[in-house]
Amino acid sequence: MRILISTVLLFLITSIGLAQETPPAGSAERGHQTFMKYMCYTCHGTLGQGADRGTGPKLAPGSLPYPAFALQVRTPRLDMPAYRKEFVSDQELADIYAYLLTVKPSPAAKDIPLLKFD
């Protein structure tokens, strides 16, 4: 019983810590350069919009809270390579996140004048 209670408490403490984690101050300009440098666009699109062929999910605008974004980059699921701190620093990761937060969402197709055939 003590093991169960300890496990639950550890889970709750860890969850609270992740929920409260905020990104380090990042530079959107440096983030865009870093996004291009590490060729994130090859799977996620040049604006983080995701790939048409399903190779990389949508990243922008701000589709994940920072803790989830950082966890996915450091210990990804499926086909994405892991970008450990030795390869992509915490600052570079914060910069990429800051860049993704600046990307404006694409307009709906109905709001694009060239796509209206009235």
Foldseek 3Di string as FASTA:
>chain_A
DVVVVVVVVVVVVVVVVLVPDAADDAALVLLLVLCVVVVVCVAQNSLQCGDPVRRHHRPADPPDGLSVQLCCQQPNPDDDDHQHCVRQNSRNSSHNNVNRNPRDDDDDLVPDVVSDDD
